[in-house]
């Protein structure tokens, strides 16, 4: 003789099944939705250099982007005789960078990781392999930014 379930037990069973289906669907969506379709990288890069006064938080291996698209990575960092950071960047061979472009160290959010953003210039000449950026902008340190905002606020208050 089949057992009869109470209305409360049936309700709890249905609720559990709905929750399991929703969690499963969310997991599948996150797995498939987060994967990016990219062409295989042919591995051809050329090196360019950028000189910065400070690179706070930027590491070898971090991305190089142009218009938000990843076009390379930082492959080396060293100090010059004047204690400036010289970064060597690998840029995809098919990406030509105008020689009057600028390179800035930015972060992907308030506390996010750092990367180099390249703003293309208008020149019809391009950076050659081994070339250097003429214009760079150092990393902004969060504490300095907060200090500046506070000092501006104090000055406006007076």
C-alpha atoms as a PDB file:
ATOM      1  CA  UNK A   1       0.000   0.000   0.000  1.00  0.00           C
ATOM      2  CA  UNK A   2       1.604   3.367  -1.070  1.00  0.00           C
ATOM      3  CA  UNK A   3       2.388   5.858   1.630  1.00  0.00           C
ATOM      4  CA  UNK A   4       0.513   9.116   1.608  1.00  0.00           C
ATOM      5  CA  UNK A   5       2.485  12.308   2.170  1.00  0.00           C
ATOM      6  CA  UNK A   6       1.097  15.232   4.068  1.00  0.00           C
ATOM      7  CA  UNK A   7       0.577  18.582   2.322  1.00  0.00           C
ATOM      8  CA  UNK A   8       3.494  20.064   4.287  1.00  0.00           C
ATOM      9  CA  UNK A   9       5.838  17.263   3.212  1.00  0.00           C
ATOM     10  CA  UNK A  10       4.796  17.623  -0.448  1.00  0.00           C
ATOM     11  CA  UNK A  11       5.300  21.407  -0.222  1.00  0.00           C
ATOM     12  CA  UNK A  12       8.801  20.988   1.259  1.00  0.00           C
ATOM     13  CA  UNK A  13       9.713  18.379  -1.359  1.00  0.00           C
ATOM     14  CA  UNK A  14       8.567  20.630  -4.228  1.00  0.00           C
ATOM     15  CA  UNK A  15      10.400  23.621  -2.747  1.00  0.00           C
ATOM     16  CA  UNK A  16      13.597  21.589  -2.421  1.00  0.00           C
ATOM     17  CA  UNK A  17      13.343  20.328  -5.997  1.00  0.00           C
ATOM     18  CA  UNK A  18      12.731  23.863  -7.341  1.00  0.00           C
ATOM     19  CA  UNK A  19      15.716  25.180  -5.386  1.00  0.00           C
ATOM     20  CA  UNK A  20      17.926  22.358  -6.695  1.00  0.00           C
ATOM     21  CA  UNK A  21      16.867  23.018 -10.302  1.00  0.00           C
ATOM     22  CA  UNK A  22      17.503  26.759  -9.929  1.00  0.00           C
ATOM     23  CA  UNK A  23      20.954  26.156  -8.391  1.00  0.00           C
ATOM     24  CA  UNK A  24      21.819  23.699 -11.134  1.00  0.00           C
ATOM     25  CA  UNK A  25      20.685  26.139 -13.848  1.00  0.00           C
ATOM     26  CA  UNK A  26      22.670  28.981 -12.222  1.00  0.00           C
ATOM     27  CA  UNK A  27      25.766  26.790 -12.038  1.00  0.00           C
ATOM     28  CA  UNK A  28      25.470  25.786 -15.686  1.00  0.00           C
ATOM     29  CA  UNK A  29      24.931  29.415 -16.723  1.00  0.00           C
ATOM     30  CA  UNK A  30      27.961  30.591 -14.754  1.00  0.00           C
ATOM     31  CA  UNK A  31      30.142  27.837 -16.174  1.00  0.00           C
ATOM     32  CA  UNK A  32      29.146  28.317 -19.817  1.00  0.00           C
ATOM     33  CA  UNK A  33      28.469  32.046 -19.651  1.00  0.00           C
ATOM     34  CA  UNK A  34      31.842  32.962 -18.174  1.00  0.00           C
ATOM     35  CA  UNK A  35      33.928  31.112 -20.728  1.00  0.00           C
ATOM     36  CA  UNK A  36      35.279  33.409 -23.419  1.00  0.00           C
ATOM     37  CA  UNK A  37      35.620  32.483 -27.035  1.00  0.00           C
ATOM     38  CA  UNK A  38      39.067  33.531 -28.227  1.00  0.00           C
ATOM     39  CA  UNK A  39      41.042  32.731 -31.287  1.00  0.00           C
ATOM     40  CA  UNK A  40      44.119  30.685 -30.534  1.00  0.00           C
ATOM     41  CA  UNK A  41      47.090  32.968 -29.961  1.00  0.00           C
ATOM     42  CA  UNK A  42      49.840  32.465 -32.502  1.00  0.00           C
ATOM     43  CA  UNK A  43      52.407  33.603 -29.920  1.00  0.00           C
ATOM     44  CA  UNK A  44      53.950  36.352 -32.040  1.00  0.00           C
ATOM     45  CA  UNK A  45      54.824  39.466 -30.060  1.00  0.00           C
ATOM     46  CA  UNK A  46      57.159  42.425 -30.249  1.00  0.00           C
ATOM     47  CA  UNK A  47      58.684  44.270 -27.306  1.00  0.00           C
ATOM     48  CA  UNK A  48      58.292  47.942 -26.440  1.00  0.00           C
ATOM     49  CA  UNK A  49      59.464  49.821 -23.342  1.00  0.00           C
ATOM     50  CA  UNK A  50      57.771  52.297 -21.034  1.00  0.00           C
ATOM     51  CA  UNK A  51      59.429  54.417 -18.308  1.00  0.00           C
ATOM     52  CA  UNK A  52      57.441  55.175 -15.145  1.00  0.00           C
ATOM     53  CA  UNK A  53      58.236  57.058 -11.948  1.00  0.00           C
ATOM     54  CA  UNK A  54      56.249  54.546  -9.913  1.00  0.00           C
ATOM     55  CA  UNK A  55      54.442  51.321 -10.724  1.00  0.00           C
ATOM     56  CA  UNK A  56      52.721  50.605  -7.387  1.00  0.00           C
ATOM     57  CA  UNK A  57      50.973  47.240  -7.592  1.00  0.00           C
ATOM     58  CA  UNK A  58      51.783  46.484 -11.231  1.00  0.00           C
ATOM     59  CA  UNK A  59      53.532  43.132 -11.617  1.00  0.00           C
ATOM     60  CA  UNK A  60      55.344  41.236 -14.332  1.00  0.00           C
ATOM     61  CA  UNK A  61      52.665  39.193 -16.102  1.00  0.00           C
ATOM     62  CA  UNK A  62      49.952  41.857 -15.804  1.00  0.00           C
ATOM     63  CA  UNK A  63      47.972  42.779 -18.889  1.00  0.00           C
ATOM     64  CA  UNK A  64      48.524  45.495 -21.470  1.00  0.00           C
ATOM     65  CA  UNK A  65      45.259  46.806 -22.937  1.00  0.00           C
ATOM     66  CA  UNK A  66      44.141  49.177 -25.640  1.00  0.00           C
ATOM     67  CA  UNK A  67      40.495  50.310 -25.683  1.00  0.00           C
ATOM     68  CA  UNK A  68      39.854  47.707 -22.982  1.00  0.00           C
ATOM     69  CA  UNK A  69      41.083  44.814 -25.135  1.00  0.00           C
ATOM     70  CA  UNK A  70      44.009  42.707 -23.986  1.00  0.00           C
ATOM     71  CA  UNK A  71      46.871  43.192 -26.472  1.00  0.00           C
ATOM     72  CA  UNK A  72      49.830  41.941 -24.474  1.00  0.00           C
ATOM     73  CA  UNK A  73      51.517  41.654 -21.097  1.00  0.00           C
ATOM     74  CA  UNK A  74      54.316  43.039 -18.955  1.00  0.00           C
ATOM     75  CA  UNK A  75      57.328  40.738 -19.312  1.00  0.00           C
ATOM     76  CA  UNK A  76      60.096  42.561 -17.433  1.00  0.00           C
ATOM     77  CA  UNK A  77      60.620  45.351 -14.903  1.00  0.00           C
ATOM     78  CA  UNK A  78      63.923  46.969 -13.964  1.00  0.00           C
ATOM     79  CA  UNK A  79      65.316  50.215 -12.565  1.00  0.00           C
ATOM     80  CA  UNK A  80      67.350  52.662 -14.614  1.00  0.00           C
ATOM     81  CA  UNK A  81      70.227  54.820 -13.315  1.00  0.00           C
ATOM     82  CA  UNK A  82      67.773  57.527 -12.189  1.00  0.00           C
ATOM     83  CA  UNK A  83      65.599  55.054 -10.243  1.00  0.00           C
ATOM     84  CA  UNK A  84      62.760  55.035 -12.745  1.00  0.00           C
ATOM     85  CA  UNK A  85      60.983  51.793 -13.550  1.00  0.00           C
ATOM     86  CA  UNK A  86      61.551  50.536 -17.083  1.00  0.00           C
ATOM     87  CA  UNK A  87      58.853  48.065 -18.083  1.00  0.00           C
ATOM     88  CA  UNK A  88      59.202  45.794 -21.083  1.00  0.00           C
ATOM     89  CA  UNK A  89      55.872  45.010 -22.724  1.00  0.00           C
ATOM     90  CA  UNK A  90      55.093  42.212 -25.148  1.00  0.00           C
ATOM     91  CA  UNK A  91      52.505  43.449 -27.651  1.00  0.00           C
ATOM     92  CA  UNK A  92      50.735  41.216 -30.169  1.00  0.00           C
ATOM     93  CA  UNK A  93      52.409  41.479 -33.547  1.00  0.00           C
ATOM     94  CA  UNK A  94      49.207  42.411 -35.374  1.00  0.00           C
ATOM     95  CA  UNK A  95      48.633  45.473 -33.121  1.00  0.00           C
ATOM     96  CA  UNK A  96      50.418  48.578 -34.404  1.00  0.00           C
ATOM     97  CA  UNK A  97      50.825  51.365 -31.833  1.00  0.00           C
ATOM     98  CA  UNK A  98      51.219  54.954 -33.103  1.00  0.00           C
ATOM     99  CA  UNK A  99      54.539  56.405 -31.889  1.00  0.00           C
ATOM    100  CA  UNK A 100      52.830  59.333 -30.114  1.00  0.00           C
ATOM    101  CA  UNK A 101      50.670  57.021 -27.955  1.00  0.00           C
ATOM    102  CA  UNK A 102      50.689  57.143 -24.171  1.00  0.00           C
ATOM    103  CA  UNK A 103      50.864  54.353 -21.597  1.00  0.00           C
ATOM    104  CA  UNK A 104      49.168  54.671 -18.199  1.00  0.00           C
ATOM    105  CA  UNK A 105      49.051  52.406 -15.184  1.00  0.00           C
ATOM    106  CA  UNK A 106      45.417  52.037 -14.134  1.00  0.00           C
ATOM    107  CA  UNK A 107      43.441  49.670 -11.949  1.00  0.00           C
ATOM    108  CA  UNK A 108      40.343  47.695 -12.802  1.00  0.00           C
ATOM    109  CA  UNK A 109      38.265  49.155  -9.987  1.00  0.00           C
ATOM    110  CA  UNK A 110      38.843  50.799  -6.641  1.00  0.00           C
ATOM    111  CA  UNK A 111      40.811  47.889  -5.214  1.00  0.00           C
ATOM    112  CA  UNK A 112      41.298  45.898  -8.422  1.00  0.00           C
ATOM    113  CA  UNK A 113      44.432  44.653 -10.080  1.00  0.00           C
ATOM    114  CA  UNK A 114      46.593  47.014 -12.125  1.00  0.00           C
ATOM    115  CA  UNK A 115      47.278  46.915 -15.842  1.00  0.00           C
ATOM    116  CA  UNK A 116      48.723  49.175 -18.514  1.00  0.00           C
ATOM    117  CA  UNK A 117      46.252  51.033 -20.713  1.00  0.00           C
ATOM    118  CA  UNK A 118      47.585  52.368 -24.002  1.00  0.00           C
ATOM    119  CA  UNK A 119      45.897  55.455 -25.450  1.00  0.00           C
ATOM    120  CA  UNK A 120      46.658  55.536 -29.179  1.00  0.00           C
ATOM    121  CA  UNK A 121      47.942  58.772 -30.658  1.00  0.00           C
ATOM    122  CA  UNK A 122      47.222  60.189 -34.081  1.00  0.00           C
ATOM    123  CA  UNK A 123      50.591  59.656 -35.726  1.00  0.00           C
ATOM    124  CA  UNK A 124      50.931  57.608 -38.877  1.00  0.00           C
ATOM    125  CA  UNK A 125      54.314  56.316 -37.683  1.00  0.00           C
ATOM    126  CA  UNK A 126      54.335  53.288 -35.382  1.00  0.00           C
ATOM    127  CA  UNK A 127      56.462  52.188 -32.431  1.00  0.00           C
ATOM    128  CA  UNK A 128      59.132  49.837 -33.670  1.00  0.00           C
ATOM    129  CA  UNK A 129      60.194  46.697 -31.789  1.00  0.00           C
ATOM    130  CA  UNK A 130      62.429  47.839 -28.936  1.00  0.00           C
ATOM    131  CA  UNK A 131      60.975  51.373 -29.093  1.00  0.00           C
ATOM    132  CA  UNK A 132      59.723  53.400 -26.124  1.00  0.00           C
ATOM    133  CA  UNK A 133      56.641  55.413 -25.256  1.00  0.00           C
ATOM    134  CA  UNK A 134      57.225  59.164 -25.148  1.00  0.00           C
ATOM    135  CA  UNK A 135      54.307  59.780 -22.790  1.00  0.00           C
ATOM    136  CA  UNK A 136      53.555  57.770 -19.644  1.00  0.00           C
ATOM    137  CA  UNK A 137      51.408  58.288 -16.563  1.00  0.00           C
ATOM    138  CA  UNK A 138      52.407  56.735 -13.247  1.00  0.00           C
ATOM    139  CA  UNK A 139      50.163  54.649 -11.034  1.00  0.00           C
ATOM    140  CA  UNK A 140      47.893  56.597  -8.705  1.00  0.00           C
ATOM    141  CA  UNK A 141      48.264  55.584  -5.070  1.00  0.00           C
ATOM    142  CA  UNK A 142      44.893  55.365  -3.301  1.00  0.00           C
ATOM    143  CA  UNK A 143      46.182  57.049  -0.137  1.00  0.00           C
ATOM    144  CA  UNK A 144      47.500  60.019  -2.123  1.00  0.00           C
ATOM    145  CA  UNK A 145      44.182  60.365  -3.926  1.00  0.00           C
ATOM    146  CA  UNK A 146      42.275  60.386  -0.620  1.00  0.00           C
ATOM    147  CA  UNK A 147      44.704  62.980   0.803  1.00  0.00           C
ATOM    148  CA  UNK A 148      44.146  65.205  -2.244  1.00  0.00           C
ATOM    149  CA  UNK A 149      40.366  64.948  -1.915  1.00  0.00           C
ATOM    150  CA  UNK A 150      40.538  65.807   1.783  1.00  0.00           C
ATOM    151  CA  UNK A 151      42.816  68.802   1.184  1.00  0.00           C
ATOM    152  CA  UNK A 152      40.502  70.104  -1.575  1.00  0.00           C
ATOM    153  CA  UNK A 153      37.548  69.705   0.767  1.00  0.00           C
ATOM    154  CA  UNK A 154      39.360  71.608   3.550  1.00  0.00           C
ATOM    155  CA  UNK A 155      40.332  74.392   1.132  1.00  0.00           C
ATOM    156  CA  UNK A 156      36.754  74.758  -0.096  1.00  0.00           C
ATOM    157  CA  UNK A 157      35.452  74.792   3.487  1.00  0.00           C
ATOM    158  CA  UNK A 158      37.548  77.873   4.388  1.00  0.00           C
END
